[in-house]
Every structure is written in structure tokens, then in C-alpha cells.
Amino acid sequence: MEPGESVDTVVRRMHGDAVGSVVVVDDEKPLGLVSDRDLAMAVLDETFDAEETDIVEFVDEETPTIEGDAGVYDLVELLSQKGLRRVPVVEDGELAGIISLSDVVVLLGMELQHVGTAIRSSSPAYERSGMEYYHD
């Protein structure tokens, strides 16, 4: 999303893309993150006009970013320290994507499955099912 786009346009696009946040960029550089929660709170203001309000009014300019080559531990530490659920990813100062805490959980779950498979395949003790140990 870019400055100048209306909240209405952004919300419709978020809905169509089934995403809960967007990064507002100017010249490919992230200005900040806007979440569906930020926008939902605006609806409570009876004077709010989604068609006339620029999305940049909802940008959290203090949104940190993380480099694309950062490790998962650096990412988790950043998310934890800042109390965030998602963070824009940048490469050479330009937006490359967004990564969320859910993405990290899925990634770590997949890695644990790979570790479990490697251990099972290299250890005869794991060739038996877990229940077989209780029937001996």
C-alpha cells in the first residue's frame, strides 16, 4: 500500500487478500505497518470516513523492521522485546515481505518434524511404536 490510498481501498484489498496487516511503503521503503485491529478501532469514531481517510494516518511509524538474512532467534527476540506479532522484512532498505509469529511457529514445527524423522530413521529403538513399550 502507498500513501494516498484510502482506508476503504486498503480494507477491501486486505479482505480480498485475506491478510490482517499491510505495510505502507513510499518508494519501496516501508513507512510502517497497519493492522486490521488498528483499522477496526477507527470504526468506533462516528466521524470516521473510510473513503476520505488516507491510510498513512494509521501507520505506526515506530514499526521496526528486520533484515531478510536475520536468523530466527533474532526475529523471535525482536518480536518478544517489542511485543509484536509481525514485522516487515527488508533487503537493502526495501520491503521484501512480512513475517509473523505464526510463520515462525509453523517453521519451527516443520523443523521439529524433520528432526524427529531423522532420529527415528537412525535409531532402532524408535522403530517400535510408543505403545509397544507399554506391552512388554
C-alpha atoms as a PDB file:
ATOM      1  CA  MET A   1       0.000   0.000   0.000  1.00  0.00           C
ATOM      2  CA  GLU A   2       1.143   3.531  -0.632  1.00  0.00           C
ATOM      3  CA  PRO A   3       0.404   6.879   0.995  1.00  0.00           C
ATOM      4  CA  GLY A   4      -2.668   8.442  -0.615  1.00  0.00           C
ATOM      5  CA  GLU A   5      -4.706   5.249  -0.693  1.00  0.00           C
ATOM      6  CA  SER A   6      -7.951   5.448   1.248  1.00  0.00           C
ATOM      7  CA  VAL A   7      -8.661   3.266   4.249  1.00  0.00           C
ATOM      8  CA  ASP A   8     -11.657   1.902   2.343  1.00  0.00           C
ATOM      9  CA  THR A   9      -9.428   0.760  -0.541  1.00  0.00           C
ATOM     10  CA  VAL A  10      -6.901  -0.813   1.807  1.00  0.00           C
ATOM     11  CA  VAL A  11      -9.542  -2.639   3.864  1.00  0.00           C
ATOM     12  CA  ARG A  12     -11.144  -4.052   0.719  1.00  0.00           C
ATOM     13  CA  ARG A  13      -7.766  -5.233  -0.531  1.00  0.00           C
ATOM     14  CA  MET A  14      -6.885  -6.767   2.842  1.00  0.00           C
ATOM     15  CA  HIS A  15     -10.212  -8.584   2.816  1.00  0.00           C
ATOM     16  CA  GLY A  16      -9.708  -9.789  -0.753  1.00  0.00           C
ATOM     17  CA  ASP A  17      -6.181 -10.988   0.005  1.00  0.00           C
ATOM     18  CA  ALA A  18      -7.245 -12.473   3.373  1.00  0.00           C
ATOM     19  CA  VAL A  19      -4.476 -10.672   5.273  1.00  0.00           C
ATOM     20  CA  GLY A  20      -4.546  -8.990   8.653  1.00  0.00           C
ATOM     21  CA  SER A  21      -1.919  -6.334   8.049  1.00  0.00           C
ATOM     22  CA  VAL A  22      -0.211  -4.330   5.354  1.00  0.00           C
ATOM     23  CA  VAL A  23       2.977  -2.362   5.114  1.00  0.00           C
ATOM     24  CA  VAL A  24       2.648   1.154   3.786  1.00  0.00           C
ATOM     25  CA  VAL A  25       5.595   1.904   1.524  1.00  0.00           C
ATOM     26  CA  ASP A  26       6.902   5.005  -0.133  1.00  0.00           C
ATOM     27  CA  ASP A  27       9.364   4.447  -2.975  1.00  0.00           C
ATOM     28  CA  GLU A  28       9.689   0.764  -1.936  1.00  0.00           C
ATOM     29  CA  LYS A  29      10.773   1.787   1.581  1.00  0.00           C
ATOM     30  CA  PRO A  30       8.485   0.775   4.457  1.00  0.00           C
ATOM     31  CA  LEU A  31       6.897   3.638   6.353  1.00  0.00           C
ATOM     32  CA  GLY A  32       5.166   1.379   8.848  1.00  0.00           C
ATOM     33  CA  LEU A  33       2.669  -1.343   9.467  1.00  0.00           C
ATOM     34  CA  VAL A  34      -1.133  -1.081   9.647  1.00  0.00           C
ATOM     35  CA  SER A  35      -3.139  -3.934  11.151  1.00  0.00           C
ATOM     36  CA  ASP A  36      -6.781  -4.846  10.823  1.00  0.00           C
ATOM     37  CA  ARG A  37      -7.104  -4.159  14.541  1.00  0.00           C
ATOM     38  CA  ASP A  38      -5.850  -0.592  14.067  1.00  0.00           C
ATOM     39  CA  LEU A  39      -8.485  -0.054  11.411  1.00  0.00           C
ATOM     40  CA  ALA A  40     -11.275  -1.782  13.323  1.00  0.00           C
ATOM     41  CA  MET A  41     -10.845   0.628  16.224  1.00  0.00           C
ATOM     42  CA  ALA A  42     -11.429   3.597  13.901  1.00  0.00           C
ATOM     43  CA  VAL A  43     -14.952   2.399  13.155  1.00  0.00           C
ATOM     44  CA  LEU A  44     -15.944   3.344  16.703  1.00  0.00           C
ATOM     45  CA  ASP A  45     -15.414   7.008  15.816  1.00  0.00           C
ATOM     46  CA  GLU A  46     -18.687   8.179  14.276  1.00  0.00           C
ATOM     47  CA  THR A  47     -16.887  10.937  12.355  1.00  0.00           C
ATOM     48  CA  PHE A  48     -14.519   8.475  10.665  1.00  0.00           C
ATOM     49  CA  ASP A  49     -14.825   8.366   6.861  1.00  0.00           C
ATOM     50  CA  ALA A  50     -13.012   5.359   5.385  1.00  0.00           C
ATOM     51  CA  GLU A  51     -13.314   6.659   1.826  1.00  0.00           C
ATOM     52  CA  GLU A  52     -11.728  10.018   2.661  1.00  0.00           C
ATOM     53  CA  THR A  53      -9.100   8.987   5.205  1.00  0.00           C
ATOM     54  CA  ASP A  54      -5.578   8.342   3.930  1.00  0.00           C
ATOM     55  CA  ILE A  55      -4.125   5.027   5.114  1.00  0.00           C
ATOM     56  CA  VAL A  56      -0.953   6.847   6.152  1.00  0.00           C
ATOM     57  CA  GLU A  57      -2.888   8.217   9.152  1.00  0.00           C
ATOM     58  CA  PHE A  58      -2.819   4.689  10.601  1.00  0.00           C
ATOM     59  CA  VAL A  59       0.854   3.996  10.020  1.00  0.00           C
ATOM     60  CA  ASP A  60       2.762   3.085  13.145  1.00  0.00           C
ATOM     61  CA  GLU A  61       5.975   4.902  12.298  1.00  0.00           C
ATOM     62  CA  GLU A  62       7.794   3.141  15.116  1.00  0.00           C
ATOM     63  CA  THR A  63       7.344  -0.260  13.500  1.00  0.00           C
ATOM     64  CA  PRO A  64      10.745  -1.934  13.489  1.00  0.00           C
ATOM     65  CA  THR A  65      11.954  -3.927  10.500  1.00  0.00           C
ATOM     66  CA  ILE A  66      14.232  -6.937  10.224  1.00  0.00           C
ATOM     67  CA  GLU A  67      16.756  -7.776   7.530  1.00  0.00           C
ATOM     68  CA  GLY A  68      15.951 -10.697   5.256  1.00  0.00           C
ATOM     69  CA  ASP A  69      19.098 -12.563   6.247  1.00  0.00           C
ATOM     70  CA  ALA A  70      18.448 -12.302  10.003  1.00  0.00           C
ATOM     71  CA  GLY A  71      18.232 -15.537  11.957  1.00  0.00           C
ATOM     72  CA  VAL A  72      15.098 -16.905  13.544  1.00  0.00           C
ATOM     73  CA  TYR A  73      16.439 -16.207  17.037  1.00  0.00           C
ATOM     74  CA  ASP A  74      16.987 -12.531  16.202  1.00  0.00           C
ATOM     75  CA  LEU A  75      13.462 -12.389  14.823  1.00  0.00           C
ATOM     76  CA  VAL A  76      11.889 -14.012  17.878  1.00  0.00           C
ATOM     77  CA  GLU A  77      13.879 -11.729  20.181  1.00  0.00           C
ATOM     78  CA  LEU A  78      12.690  -8.637  18.265  1.00  0.00           C
ATOM     79  CA  LEU A  79       9.066  -9.776  18.301  1.00  0.00           C
ATOM     80  CA  SER A  80       9.298 -10.562  22.010  1.00  0.00           C
ATOM     81  CA  GLN A  81      11.070  -7.360  23.049  1.00  0.00           C
ATOM     82  CA  LYS A  82       8.669  -5.136  21.108  1.00  0.00           C
ATOM     83  CA  GLY A  83       5.531  -7.144  21.856  1.00  0.00           C
ATOM     84  CA  LEU A  84       4.812  -7.632  18.150  1.00  0.00           C
ATOM     85  CA  ARG A  85       3.087 -10.373  16.195  1.00  0.00           C
ATOM     86  CA  ARG A  86       4.522  -9.416  12.809  1.00  0.00           C
ATOM     87  CA  VAL A  87       7.352  -7.360  11.365  1.00  0.00           C
ATOM     88  CA  PRO A  88       8.248  -6.102   7.877  1.00  0.00           C
ATOM     89  CA  VAL A  89      11.252  -7.775   6.274  1.00  0.00           C
ATOM     90  CA  VAL A  90      13.640  -5.538   4.343  1.00  0.00           C
ATOM     91  CA  GLU A  91      16.521  -6.146   1.983  1.00  0.00           C
ATOM     92  CA  ASP A  92      18.772  -3.198   1.168  1.00  0.00           C
ATOM     93  CA  GLY A  93      16.239  -0.920   2.860  1.00  0.00           C
ATOM     94  CA  GLU A  94      13.372  -2.002   0.590  1.00  0.00           C
ATOM     95  CA  LEU A  95      10.345  -4.041   1.619  1.00  0.00           C
ATOM     96  CA  ALA A  96      10.765  -7.746   0.889  1.00  0.00           C
ATOM     97  CA  GLY A  97       7.754  -9.046   2.834  1.00  0.00           C
ATOM     98  CA  ILE A  98       6.205  -9.539   6.255  1.00  0.00           C
ATOM     99  CA  ILE A  99       6.921 -12.330   8.707  1.00  0.00           C
ATOM    100  CA  SER A 100       4.635 -13.159  11.587  1.00  0.00           C
ATOM    101  CA  LEU A 101       4.893 -15.060  14.826  1.00  0.00           C
ATOM    102  CA  SER A 102       2.593 -17.670  13.258  1.00  0.00           C
ATOM    103  CA  ASP A 103       5.097 -18.117  10.418  1.00  0.00           C
ATOM    104  CA  VAL A 104       7.817 -18.787  12.994  1.00  0.00           C
ATOM    105  CA  VAL A 105       5.675 -21.354  14.831  1.00  0.00           C
ATOM    106  CA  VAL A 106       4.902 -23.192  11.579  1.00  0.00           C
ATOM    107  CA  LEU A 107       8.577 -23.128  10.544  1.00  0.00           C
ATOM    108  CA  LEU A 108       9.756 -24.448  13.901  1.00  0.00           C
ATOM    109  CA  GLY A 109       7.075 -27.150  13.845  1.00  0.00           C
ATOM    110  CA  MET A 110       8.271 -28.302  10.431  1.00  0.00           C
ATOM    111  CA  GLU A 111      11.873 -28.334  11.642  1.00  0.00           C
ATOM    112  CA  LEU A 112      10.914 -30.445  14.668  1.00  0.00           C
ATOM    113  CA  GLN A 113       9.187 -32.931  12.363  1.00  0.00           C
ATOM    114  CA  HIS A 114      12.390 -33.216  10.305  1.00  0.00           C
ATOM    115  CA  VAL A 115      14.450 -33.763  13.444  1.00  0.00           C
ATOM    116  CA  GLY A 116      12.024 -36.421  14.673  1.00  0.00           C
ATOM    117  CA  THR A 117      12.147 -38.215  11.328  1.00  0.00           C
ATOM    118  CA  ALA A 118      15.957 -38.159  11.322  1.00  0.00           C
ATOM    119  CA  ILE A 119      16.115 -39.538  14.859  1.00  0.00           C
ATOM    120  CA  ARG A 120      13.557 -42.266  14.156  1.00  0.00           C
ATOM    121  CA  SER A 121      15.313 -43.378  10.999  1.00  0.00           C
ATOM    122  CA  SER A 122      18.732 -43.625  12.649  1.00  0.00           C
ATOM    123  CA  SER A 123      17.755 -45.266  15.945  1.00  0.00           C
ATOM    124  CA  PRO A 124      16.457 -48.854  16.194  1.00  0.00           C
ATOM    125  CA  ALA A 125      14.714 -48.038  19.469  1.00  0.00           C
ATOM    126  CA  TYR A 126      12.332 -45.732  17.621  1.00  0.00           C
ATOM    127  CA  GLU A 127      11.308 -48.334  15.056  1.00  0.00           C
ATOM    128  CA  ARG A 128       8.740 -49.630  17.547  1.00  0.00           C
ATOM    129  CA  SER A 129       5.611 -47.625  18.180  1.00  0.00           C
ATOM    130  CA  GLY A 130       5.301 -45.860  21.511  1.00  0.00           C
ATOM    131  CA  MET A 131       2.519 -48.200  22.635  1.00  0.00           C
ATOM    132  CA  GLU A 132       4.725 -51.288  22.157  1.00  0.00           C
ATOM    133  CA  TYR A 133       6.851 -50.152  25.108  1.00  0.00           C
ATOM    134  CA  TYR A 134       3.848 -50.440  27.452  1.00  0.00           C
ATOM    135  CA  HIS A 135       3.014 -54.026  26.482  1.00  0.00           C
ATOM    136  CA  ASP A 136       6.377 -55.685  27.189  1.00  0.00           C
END
